[in-house]
PDB file of N, CA and C in Angstrom:
ATOM      1  N   MET A   1     121.567 103.298 131.257  1.00  0.00           N
ATOM      2  CA  MET A   1     120.954 103.445 129.949  1.00  0.00           C
ATOM      3  C   MET A   1     120.166 102.165 129.658  1.00  0.00           C
ATOM      4  N   ASN A   2     118.872 102.304 129.395  1.00  0.00           N
ATOM      5  CA  ASN A   2     118.024 101.171 129.048  1.00  0.00           C
ATOM      6  C   ASN A   2     117.999 100.988 127.541  1.00  0.00           C
ATOM      7  N   MET A   3     118.170  99.744 127.131  1.00  0.00           N
ATOM      8  CA  MET A   3     118.163  99.414 125.708  1.00  0.00           C
ATOM      9  C   MET A   3     117.017  98.443 125.437  1.00  0.00           C
ATOM     10  N   ARG A   4     116.564  98.446 124.183  1.00  0.00           N
ATOM     11  CA  ARG A   4     115.603  97.433 123.751  1.00  0.00           C
ATOM     12  C   ARG A   4     115.922  97.051 122.309  1.00  0.00           C
ATOM     13  N   SER A   5     115.540  95.834 121.983  1.00  0.00           N
ATOM     14  CA  SER A   5     115.719  95.324 120.622  1.00  0.00           C
ATOM     15  C   SER A   5     114.382  94.851 120.106  1.00  0.00           C
ATOM     16  N   THR A   6     114.107  95.143 118.835  1.00  0.00           N
ATOM     17  CA  THR A   6     112.897  94.643 118.199  1.00  0.00           C
ATOM     18  C   THR A   6     113.296  93.943 116.908  1.00  0.00           C
ATOM     19  N   ARG A   7     112.525  92.932 116.570  1.00  0.00           N
ATOM     20  CA  ARG A   7     112.772  92.163 115.354  1.00  0.00           C
ATOM     21  C   ARG A   7     111.538  92.244 114.470  1.00  0.00           C
ATOM     22  N   SER A   8     111.781  92.311 113.176  1.00  0.00           N
ATOM     23  CA  SER A   8     110.690  92.289 112.204  1.00  0.00           C
ATOM     24  C   SER A   8     111.208  91.588 110.952  1.00  0.00           C
ATOM     25  N   MET A   9     110.310  91.304 110.051  1.00  0.00           N
ATOM     26  CA  MET A   9     110.672  90.627 108.800  1.00  0.00           C
ATOM     27  C   MET A   9     110.383  91.553 107.628  1.00  0.00           C
ATOM     28  N   VAL A  10     111.242  91.496 106.621  1.00  0.00           N
ATOM     29  CA  VAL A  10     111.017  92.195 105.359  1.00  0.00           C
ATOM     30  C   VAL A  10     111.180  91.165 104.248  1.00  0.00           C
ATOM     31  N   THR A  11     110.487  91.391 103.158  1.00  0.00           N
ATOM     32  CA  THR A  11     110.564  90.481 102.023  1.00  0.00           C
ATOM     33  C   THR A  11     111.016  91.242 100.792  1.00  0.00           C
ATOM     34  N   PHE A  12     112.045  90.722 100.150  1.00  0.00           N
ATOM     35  CA  PHE A  12     112.512  91.251  98.876  1.00  0.00           C
ATOM     36  C   PHE A  12     112.082  90.269  97.792  1.00  0.00           C
ATOM     37  N   LEU A  13     111.390  90.759  96.787  1.00  0.00           N
ATOM     38  CA  LEU A  13     110.937  89.915  95.691  1.00  0.00           C
ATOM     39  C   LEU A  13     111.974  89.789  94.586  1.00  0.00           C
ATOM     40  N   ASN A  14     113.004  90.613  94.656  1.00  0.00           N
ATOM     41  CA  ASN A  14     114.068  90.625  93.653  1.00  0.00           C
ATOM     42  C   ASN A  14     115.425  90.659  94.369  1.00  0.00           C
ATOM     43  N   PRO A  15     116.488  90.222  93.718  1.00  0.00           N
ATOM     44  CA  PRO A  15     117.823  90.395  94.304  1.00  0.00           C
ATOM     45  C   PRO A  15     118.079  91.886  94.555  1.00  0.00           C
ATOM     46  N   PHE A  16     118.877  92.193  95.576  1.00  0.00           N
ATOM     47  CA  PHE A  16     119.079  93.593  95.955  1.00  0.00           C
ATOM     48  C   PHE A  16     120.483  93.801  96.495  1.00  0.00           C
ATOM     49  N   THR A  17     120.854  95.055  96.626  1.00  0.00           N
ATOM     50  CA  THR A  17     122.141  95.424  97.198  1.00  0.00           C
ATOM     51  C   THR A  17     121.925  96.411  98.337  1.00  0.00           C
ATOM     52  N   LEU A  18     122.922  96.486  99.209  1.00  0.00           N
ATOM     53  CA  LEU A  18     122.933  97.476 100.282  1.00  0.00           C
ATOM     54  C   LEU A  18     124.241  98.248 100.199  1.00  0.00           C
ATOM     55  N   PRO A  19     124.206  99.555 100.417  1.00  0.00           N
ATOM     56  CA  PRO A  19     125.437 100.342 100.399  1.00  0.00           C
ATOM     57  C   PRO A  19     126.440  99.804 101.426  1.00  0.00           C
ATOM     58  N   GLY A  20     127.694  99.768 101.020  1.00  0.00           N
ATOM     59  CA  GLY A  20     128.751  99.334 101.910  1.00  0.00           C
ATOM     60  C   GLY A  20     129.063  97.846 101.845  1.00  0.00           C
ATOM     61  N   TYR A  21     128.299  97.097 101.058  1.00  0.00           N
ATOM     62  CA  TYR A  21     128.529  95.657 100.930  1.00  0.00           C
ATOM     63  C   TYR A  21     128.653  95.298  99.463  1.00  0.00           C
ATOM     64  N   LEU A  22     129.628  94.459  99.177  1.00  0.00           N
ATOM     65  CA  LEU A  22     129.825  93.998  97.810  1.00  0.00           C
ATOM     66  C   LEU A  22     128.840  92.884  97.499  1.00  0.00           C
ATOM     67  N   GLY A  23     128.448  92.821  96.260  1.00  0.00           N
ATOM     68  CA  GLY A  23     127.607  91.720  95.811  1.00  0.00           C
ATOM     69  C   GLY A  23     126.134  91.936  96.065  1.00  0.00           C
ATOM     70  N   GLU A  24     125.397  91.078  95.424  1.00  0.00           N
ATOM     71  CA  GLU A  24     123.943  91.131  95.467  1.00  0.00           C
ATOM     72  C   GLU A  24     123.437  90.077  96.450  1.00  0.00           C
ATOM     73  N   LEU A  25     122.395  90.423  97.185  1.00  0.00           N
ATOM     74  CA  LEU A  25     121.743  89.465  98.074  1.00  0.00           C
ATOM     75  C   LEU A  25     120.523  88.892  97.355  1.00  0.00           C
ATOM     76  N   PRO A  26     120.223  87.614  97.569  1.00  0.00           N
ATOM     77  CA  PRO A  26     119.094  87.009  96.858  1.00  0.00           C
ATOM     78  C   PRO A  26     117.746  87.486  97.388  1.00  0.00           C
ATOM     79  N   ALA A  27     116.738  87.373  96.547  1.00  0.00           N
ATOM     80  CA  ALA A  27     115.373  87.669  96.977  1.00  0.00           C
ATOM     81  C   ALA A  27     115.009  86.725  98.115  1.00  0.00           C
ATOM     82  N   GLY A  28     114.100  87.166  98.972  1.00  0.00           N
ATOM     83  CA  GLY A  28     113.655  86.301 100.068  1.00  0.00           C
ATOM     84  C   GLY A  28     113.258  87.105 101.280  1.00  0.00           C
ATOM     85  N   ASP A  29     112.995  86.385 102.364  1.00  0.00           N
ATOM     86  CA  ASP A  29     112.613  86.997 103.632  1.00  0.00           C
ATOM     87  C   ASP A  29     113.869  87.234 104.473  1.00  0.00           C
ATOM     88  N   TYR A  30     113.932  88.409 105.083  1.00  0.00           N
ATOM     89  CA  TYR A  30     115.075  88.769 105.919  1.00  0.00           C
ATOM     90  C   TYR A  30     114.569  89.334 107.235  1.00  0.00           C
ATOM     91  N   GLU A  31     115.259  88.960 108.302  1.00  0.00           N
ATOM     92  CA  GLU A  31     114.938  89.507 109.614  1.00  0.00           C
ATOM     93  C   GLU A  31     115.708  90.806 109.814  1.00  0.00           C
ATOM     94  N   VAL A  32     115.029  91.791 110.377  1.00  0.00           N
ATOM     95  CA  VAL A  32     115.645  93.083 110.689  1.00  0.00           C
ATOM     96  C   VAL A  32     115.674  93.225 112.211  1.00  0.00           C
ATOM     97  N   LEU A  33     116.836  93.548 112.749  1.00  0.00           N
ATOM     98  CA  LEU A  33     117.012  93.769 114.174  1.00  0.00           C
ATOM     99  C   LEU A  33     117.278  95.256 114.384  1.00  0.00           C
ATOM    100  N   VAL A  34     116.462  95.880 115.227  1.00  0.00           N
ATOM    101  CA  VAL A  34     116.619  97.306 115.530  1.00  0.00           C
ATOM    102  C   VAL A  34     116.932  97.437 117.017  1.00  0.00           C
ATOM    103  N   GLU A  35     118.012  98.150 117.321  1.00  0.00           N
ATOM    104  CA  GLU A  35     118.372  98.429 118.706  1.00  0.00           C
ATOM    105  C   GLU A  35     118.084  99.901 118.984  1.00  0.00           C
ATOM    106  N   GLU A  36     117.493 100.138 120.162  1.00  0.00           N
ATOM    107  CA  GLU A  36     117.135 101.501 120.553  1.00  0.00           C
ATOM    108  C   GLU A  36     117.528 101.726 122.008  1.00  0.00           C
ATOM    109  N   GLU A  37     117.834 102.983 122.326  1.00  0.00           N
ATOM    110  CA  GLU A  37     118.120 103.331 123.707  1.00  0.00           C
ATOM    111  C   GLU A  37     117.027 104.256 124.223  1.00  0.00           C
ATOM    112  N   ARG A  38     116.693 104.074 125.492  1.00  0.00           N
ATOM    113  CA  ARG A  38     115.654 104.902 126.114  1.00  0.00           C
ATOM    114  C   ARG A  38     116.216 106.291 126.382  1.00  0.00           C
ATOM    115  N   LEU A  39     115.424 107.291 126.063  1.00  0.00           N
ATOM    116  CA  LEU A  39     115.813 108.670 126.332  1.00  0.00           C
ATOM    117  C   LEU A  39     115.403 109.010 127.762  1.00  0.00           C
ATOM    118  N   GLU A  40     116.375 109.363 128.571  1.00  0.00           N
ATOM    119  CA  GLU A  40     116.129 109.656 129.982  1.00  0.00           C
ATOM    120  C   GLU A  40     115.732 111.112 130.179  1.00  0.00           C
ATOM    121  N   GLY A  41     115.037 111.382 131.276  1.00  0.00           N
ATOM    122  CA  GLY A  41     114.712 112.745 131.655  1.00  0.00           C
ATOM    123  C   GLY A  41     113.453 113.306 131.022  1.00  0.00           C
ATOM    124  N   LEU A  42     112.705 112.485 130.302  1.00  0.00           N
ATOM    125  CA  LEU A  42     111.459 112.954 129.694  1.00  0.00           C
ATOM    126  C   LEU A  42     110.279 112.535 130.565  1.00  0.00           C
ATOM    127  N   SER A  43     109.171 113.223 130.409  1.00  0.00           N
ATOM    128  CA  SER A  43     107.976 112.879 131.180  1.00  0.00           C
ATOM    129  C   SER A  43     107.175 111.763 130.521  1.00  0.00           C
ATOM    130  N   PHE A  44     107.676 111.241 129.404  1.00  0.00           N
ATOM    131  CA  PHE A  44     107.040 110.137 128.696  1.00  0.00           C
ATOM    132  C   PHE A  44     108.142 109.207 128.200  1.00  0.00           C
ATOM    133  N   GLU A  45     107.756 107.977 127.878  1.00  0.00           N
ATOM    134  CA  GLU A  45     108.737 107.009 127.412  1.00  0.00           C
ATOM    135  C   GLU A  45     109.033 107.229 125.935  1.00  0.00           C
ATOM    136  N   ALA A  46     110.319 107.366 125.615  1.00  0.00           N
ATOM    137  CA  ALA A  46     110.731 107.562 124.225  1.00  0.00           C
ATOM    138  C   ALA A  46     112.074 106.865 124.006  1.00  0.00           C
ATOM    139  N   TYR A  47     112.264 106.400 122.766  1.00  0.00           N
ATOM    140  CA  TYR A  47     113.488 105.692 122.413  1.00  0.00           C
ATOM    141  C   TYR A  47     114.091 106.299 121.162  1.00  0.00           C
ATOM    142  N   ARG A  48     115.425 106.166 121.066  1.00  0.00           N
ATOM    143  CA  ARG A  48     116.155 106.616 119.884  1.00  0.00           C
ATOM    144  C   ARG A  48     116.844 105.403 119.271  1.00  0.00           C
ATOM    145  N   ARG A  49     116.694 105.250 117.963  1.00  0.00           N
ATOM    146  CA  ARG A  49     117.333 104.131 117.252  1.00  0.00           C
ATOM    147  C   ARG A  49     118.842 104.330 117.281  1.00  0.00           C
ATOM    148  N   THR A  50     119.545 103.278 117.668  1.00  0.00           N
ATOM    149  CA  THR A  50     121.004 103.344 117.702  1.00  0.00           C
ATOM    150  C   THR A  50     121.651 102.448 116.642  1.00  0.00           C
ATOM    151  N   ALA A  51     120.919 101.416 116.193  1.00  0.00           N
ATOM    152  CA  ALA A  51     121.489 100.517 115.184  1.00  0.00           C
ATOM    153  C   ALA A  51     120.384  99.757 114.468  1.00  0.00           C
ATOM    154  N   THR A  52     120.645  99.440 113.202  1.00  0.00           N
ATOM    155  CA  THR A  52     119.749  98.611 112.397  1.00  0.00           C
ATOM    156  C   THR A  52     120.609  97.547 111.726  1.00  0.00           C
ATOM    157  N   TYR A  53     120.176  96.295 111.825  1.00  0.00           N
ATOM    158  CA  TYR A  53     120.914  95.184 111.247  1.00  0.00           C
ATOM    159  C   TYR A  53     119.985  94.339 110.379  1.00  0.00           C
ATOM    160  N   LEU A  54     120.531  93.830 109.295  1.00  0.00           N
ATOM    161  CA  LEU A  54     119.830  92.897 108.440  1.00  0.00           C
ATOM    162  C   LEU A  54     120.482  91.530 108.649  1.00  0.00           C
ATOM    163  N   THR A  55     119.679  90.525 108.990  1.00  0.00           N
ATOM    164  CA  THR A  55     120.193  89.177 109.185  1.00  0.00           C
ATOM    165  C   THR A  55     120.348  88.511 107.829  1.00  0.00           C
ATOM    166  N   VAL A  56     121.571  88.094 107.512  1.00  0.00           N
ATOM    167  CA  VAL A  56     121.880  87.502 106.213  1.00  0.00           C
ATOM    168  C   VAL A  56     122.438  86.096 106.439  1.00  0.00           C
ATOM    169  N   HIS A  57     121.958  85.167 105.642  1.00  0.00           N
ATOM    170  CA  HIS A  57     122.448  83.790 105.666  1.00  0.00           C
ATOM    171  C   HIS A  57     123.262  83.585 104.387  1.00  0.00           C
ATOM    172  N   PRO A  58     124.595  83.718 104.465  1.00  0.00           N
ATOM    173  CA  PRO A  58     125.427  83.576 103.269  1.00  0.00           C
ATOM    174  C   PRO A  58     125.162  82.248 102.569  1.00  0.00           C
ATOM    175  N   GLY A  59     125.016  82.308 101.282  1.00  0.00           N
ATOM    176  CA  GLY A  59     124.751  81.103 100.505  1.00  0.00           C
ATOM    177  C   GLY A  59     123.307  80.652 100.580  1.00  0.00           C
ATOM    178  N   GLY A  60     122.458  81.397 101.313  1.00  0.00           N
ATOM    179  CA  GLY A  60     121.045  81.059 101.409  1.00  0.00           C
ATOM    180  C   GLY A  60     120.744  79.904 102.342  1.00  0.00           C
ATOM    181  N   ASP A  61     121.764  79.381 103.023  1.00  0.00           N
ATOM    182  CA  ASP A  61     121.575  78.234 103.914  1.00  0.00           C
ATOM    183  C   ASP A  61     121.187  78.733 105.304  1.00  0.00           C
ATOM    184  N   ARG A  62     119.914  78.607 105.656  1.00  0.00           N
ATOM    185  CA  ARG A  62     119.426  79.102 106.942  1.00  0.00           C
ATOM    186  C   ARG A  62     119.886  78.262 108.123  1.00  0.00           C
ATOM    187  N   SER A  63     120.435  77.089 107.881  1.00  0.00           N
ATOM    188  CA  SER A  63     120.923  76.265 108.986  1.00  0.00           C
ATOM    189  C   SER A  63     122.403  76.526 109.262  1.00  0.00           C
ATOM    190  N   GLY A  64     123.039  77.294 108.406  1.00  0.00           N
ATOM    191  CA  GLY A  64     124.472  77.558 108.545  1.00  0.00           C
ATOM    192  C   GLY A  64     124.752  78.874 109.238  1.00  0.00           C
ATOM    193  N   ARG A  65     125.821  79.502 108.825  1.00  0.00           N
ATOM    194  CA  ARG A  65     126.304  80.754 109.413  1.00  0.00           C
ATOM    195  C   ARG A  65     125.319  81.893 109.186  1.00  0.00           C
ATOM    196  N   THR A  66     125.228  82.782 110.157  1.00  0.00           N
ATOM    197  CA  THR A  66     124.368  83.957 110.066  1.00  0.00           C
ATOM    198  C   THR A  66     125.210  85.200 110.283  1.00  0.00           C
ATOM    199  N   GLU A  67     124.966  86.227 109.477  1.00  0.00           N
ATOM    200  CA  GLU A  67     125.653  87.511 109.628  1.00  0.00           C
ATOM    201  C   GLU A  67     124.621  88.584 109.963  1.00  0.00           C
ATOM    202  N   LEU A  68     125.001  89.492 110.849  1.00  0.00           N
ATOM    203  CA  LEU A  68     124.208  90.699 111.086  1.00  0.00           C
ATOM    204  C   LEU A  68     124.919  91.816 110.347  1.00  0.00           C
ATOM    205  N   ARG A  69     124.306  92.301 109.300  1.00  0.00           N
ATOM    206  CA  ARG A  69     124.922  93.371 108.506  1.00  0.00           C
ATOM    207  C   ARG A  69     124.352  94.709 108.933  1.00  0.00           C
ATOM    208  N   ALA A  70     125.228  95.552 109.449  1.00  0.00           N
ATOM    209  CA  ALA A  70     124.808  96.887 109.866  1.00  0.00           C
ATOM    210  C   ALA A  70     124.369  97.675 108.646  1.00  0.00           C
ATOM    211  N   THR A  71     123.263  98.356 108.777  1.00  0.00           N
ATOM    212  CA  THR A  71     122.752  99.208 107.719  1.00  0.00           C
ATOM    213  C   THR A  71     122.052 100.379 108.385  1.00  0.00           C
ATOM    214  N   SER A  72     121.504 101.269 107.619  1.00  0.00           N
ATOM    215  CA  SER A  72     120.727 102.368 108.193  1.00  0.00           C
ATOM    216  C   SER A  72     119.271 102.174 107.822  1.00  0.00           C
ATOM    217  N   GLU A  73     118.421 102.793 108.590  1.00  0.00           N
ATOM    218  CA  GLU A  73     116.989 102.728 108.289  1.00  0.00           C
ATOM    219  C   GLU A  73     116.724 103.272 106.886  1.00  0.00           C
ATOM    220  N   ASP A  74     117.393 104.357 106.530  1.00  0.00           N
ATOM    221  CA  ASP A  74     117.201 104.969 105.207  1.00  0.00           C
ATOM    222  C   ASP A  74     117.667 104.048 104.080  1.00  0.00           C
ATOM    223  N   ASP A  75     118.828 103.397 104.263  1.00  0.00           N
ATOM    224  CA  ASP A  75     119.332 102.487 103.228  1.00  0.00           C
ATOM    225  C   ASP A  75     118.415 101.279 103.054  1.00  0.00           C
ATOM    226  N   LEU A  76     117.883 100.771 104.162  1.00  0.00           N
ATOM    227  CA  LEU A  76     116.973  99.635 104.085  1.00  0.00           C
ATOM    228  C   LEU A  76     115.671 100.038 103.390  1.00  0.00           C
ATOM    229  N   LYS A  77     115.138 101.193 103.740  1.00  0.00           N
ATOM    230  CA  LYS A  77     113.912 101.681 103.083  1.00  0.00           C
ATOM    231  C   LYS A  77     114.153 101.906 101.587  1.00  0.00           C
ATOM    232  N   ALA A  78     115.314 102.449 101.234  1.00  0.00           N
ATOM    233  CA  ALA A  78     115.630 102.691  99.824  1.00  0.00           C
ATOM    234  C   ALA A  78     115.704 101.369  99.060  1.00  0.00           C
ATOM    235  N   ALA A  79     116.319 100.346  99.656  1.00  0.00           N
ATOM    236  CA  ALA A  79     116.411  99.030  99.010  1.00  0.00           C
ATOM    237  C   ALA A  79     115.019  98.432  98.823  1.00  0.00           C
ATOM    238  N   LEU A  80     114.158  98.565  99.826  1.00  0.00           N
ATOM    239  CA  LEU A  80     112.787  98.064  99.717  1.00  0.00           C
ATOM    240  C   LEU A  80     112.001  98.826  98.650  1.00  0.00           C
ATOM    241  N   ASN A  81     112.207 100.131  98.563  1.00  0.00           N
ATOM    242  CA  ASN A  81     111.526 100.933  97.534  1.00  0.00           C
ATOM    243  C   ASN A  81     111.991 100.560  96.134  1.00  0.00           C
ATOM    244  N   ARG A  82     113.308 100.312  95.973  1.00  0.00           N
ATOM    245  CA  ARG A  82     113.815  99.865  94.670  1.00  0.00           C
ATOM    246  C   ARG A  82     113.214  98.508  94.297  1.00  0.00           C
ATOM    247  N   ASP A  83     113.096  97.624  95.284  1.00  0.00           N
ATOM    248  CA  ASP A  83     112.522  96.302  95.047  1.00  0.00           C
ATOM    249  C   ASP A  83     111.057  96.440  94.615  1.00  0.00           C
ATOM    250  N   LYS A  84     110.331  97.302  95.285  1.00  0.00           N
ATOM    251  CA  LYS A  84     108.917  97.521  94.948  1.00  0.00           C
ATOM    252  C   LYS A  84     108.788  98.090  93.540  1.00  0.00           C
ATOM    253  N   ALA A  85     109.619  99.074  93.215  1.00  0.00           N
ATOM    254  CA  ALA A  85     109.566  99.689  91.888  1.00  0.00           C
ATOM    255  C   ALA A  85     109.917  98.671  90.809  1.00  0.00           C
ATOM    256  N   MET A  86     110.923  97.838  91.065  1.00  0.00           N
ATOM    257  CA  MET A  86     111.319  96.827  90.097  1.00  0.00           C
ATOM    258  C   MET A  86     110.179  95.823  89.877  1.00  0.00           C
ATOM    259  N   THR A  87     109.512  95.449  90.942  1.00  0.00           N
ATOM    260  CA  THR A  87     108.401  94.503  90.848  1.00  0.00           C
ATOM    261  C   THR A  87     107.241  95.118  90.077  1.00  0.00           C
ATOM    262  N   LEU A  88     106.928  96.383  90.352  1.00  0.00           N
ATOM    263  CA  LEU A  88     105.839  97.058  89.641  1.00  0.00           C
ATOM    264  C   LEU A  88     106.166  97.217  88.164  1.00  0.00           C
ATOM    265  N   ASN A  89     107.423  97.558  87.855  1.00  0.00           N
ATOM    266  CA  ASN A  89     107.827  97.721  86.452  1.00  0.00           C
ATOM    267  C   ASN A  89     107.769  96.402  85.705  1.00  0.00           C
ATOM    268  N   THR A  90     108.182  95.332  86.350  1.00  0.00           N
ATOM    269  CA  THR A  90     108.160  94.016  85.717  1.00  0.00           C
ATOM    270  C   THR A  90     106.730  93.552  85.491  1.00  0.00           C
ATOM    271  N   ASN A  91     105.879  93.737  86.500  1.00  0.00           N
ATOM    272  CA  ASN A  91     104.487  93.285  86.398  1.00  0.00           C
ATOM    273  C   ASN A  91     103.659  94.176  85.474  1.00  0.00           C
ATOM    274  N   GLY A  92     104.072  95.406  85.275  1.00  0.00           N
ATOM    275  CA  GLY A  92     103.300  96.316  84.443  1.00  0.00           C
ATOM    276  C   GLY A  92     103.832  96.460  83.031  1.00  0.00           C
ATOM    277  N   SER A  93     104.856  95.713  82.678  1.00  0.00           N
ATOM    278  CA  SER A  93     105.444  95.858  81.350  1.00  0.00           C
ATOM    279  C   SER A  93     104.578  95.183  80.298  1.00  0.00           C
ATOM    280  N   ASP A  94     104.738  95.597  79.042  1.00  0.00           N
ATOM    281  CA  ASP A  94     103.994  94.988  77.946  1.00  0.00           C
ATOM    282  C   ASP A  94     104.320  93.510  77.811  1.00  0.00           C
ATOM    283  N   ALA A  95     105.534  93.132  78.143  1.00  0.00           N
ATOM    284  CA  ALA A  95     105.936  91.734  78.014  1.00  0.00           C
ATOM    285  C   ALA A  95     105.149  90.845  78.969  1.00  0.00           C
ATOM    286  N   ALA A  96     104.642  91.453  80.049  1.00  0.00           N
ATOM    287  CA  ALA A  96     103.896  90.657  81.025  1.00  0.00           C
ATOM    288  C   ALA A  96     102.437  90.505  80.626  1.00  0.00           C
ATOM    289  N   LEU A  97     101.978  91.232  79.624  1.00  0.00           N
ATOM    290  CA  LEU A  97     100.580  91.148  79.207  1.00  0.00           C
ATOM    291  C   LEU A  97     100.345  89.941  78.335  1.00  0.00           C
ATOM    292  N   SER A  98      99.152  89.395  78.484  1.00  0.00           N
ATOM    293  CA  SER A  98      98.810  88.275  77.619  1.00  0.00           C
ATOM    294  C   SER A  98      98.463  88.811  76.241  1.00  0.00           C
ATOM    295  N   PRO A  99      98.507  87.995  75.181  1.00  0.00           N
ATOM    296  CA  PRO A  99      98.185  88.451  73.831  1.00  0.00           C
ATOM    297  C   PRO A  99      96.785  89.046  73.730  1.00  0.00           C
ATOM    298  N   GLN A 100      95.828  88.534  74.480  1.00  0.00           N
ATOM    299  CA  GLN A 100      94.456  89.053  74.414  1.00  0.00           C
ATOM    300  C   GLN A 100      94.388  90.470  74.974  1.00  0.00           C
ATOM    301  N   GLU A 101      95.190  90.774  76.009  1.00  0.00           N
ATOM    302  CA  GLU A 101      95.195  92.114  76.571  1.00  0.00           C
ATOM    303  C   GLU A 101      95.808  93.107  75.597  1.00  0.00           C
ATOM    304  N   ASP A 102      96.752  92.661  74.768  1.00  0.00           N
ATOM    305  CA  ASP A 102      97.366  93.549  73.766  1.00  0.00           C
ATOM    306  C   ASP A 102      96.352  93.986  72.712  1.00  0.00           C
ATOM    307  N   LEU A 103      95.338  93.190  72.471  1.00  0.00           N
ATOM    308  CA  LEU A 103      94.350  93.480  71.431  1.00  0.00           C
ATOM    309  C   LEU A 103      93.340  94.529  71.861  1.00  0.00           C
ATOM    310  N   LYS A 104      93.229  94.818  73.108  1.00  0.00           N
ATOM    311  CA  LYS A 104      92.216  95.773  73.601  1.00  0.00           C
ATOM    312  C   LYS A 104      92.544  97.181  73.240  1.00  0.00           C
TER     313      LYS A 104
END
């Protein structure tokens, strides 16, 4: 069985949570590790995702301990979508408008 791993970065602009873990994670950049296995017997190269991990630095200290927190692609996408919606709601609220924009 052939395996491959890919790494990418995601950015959360707001604190967020992931299902299955207690507590909130701080806003910031996080590395995502995806493991996939090659599907054998096909006439073309194809892979199936077997695991998704979010790299977390407890306490925000990048020089200290690192945790790989298992998550699902769907849970990670949902957390990113919530972060995006929260950012759009905050930036689009009346409180974010300057007084001159309120007069229009």
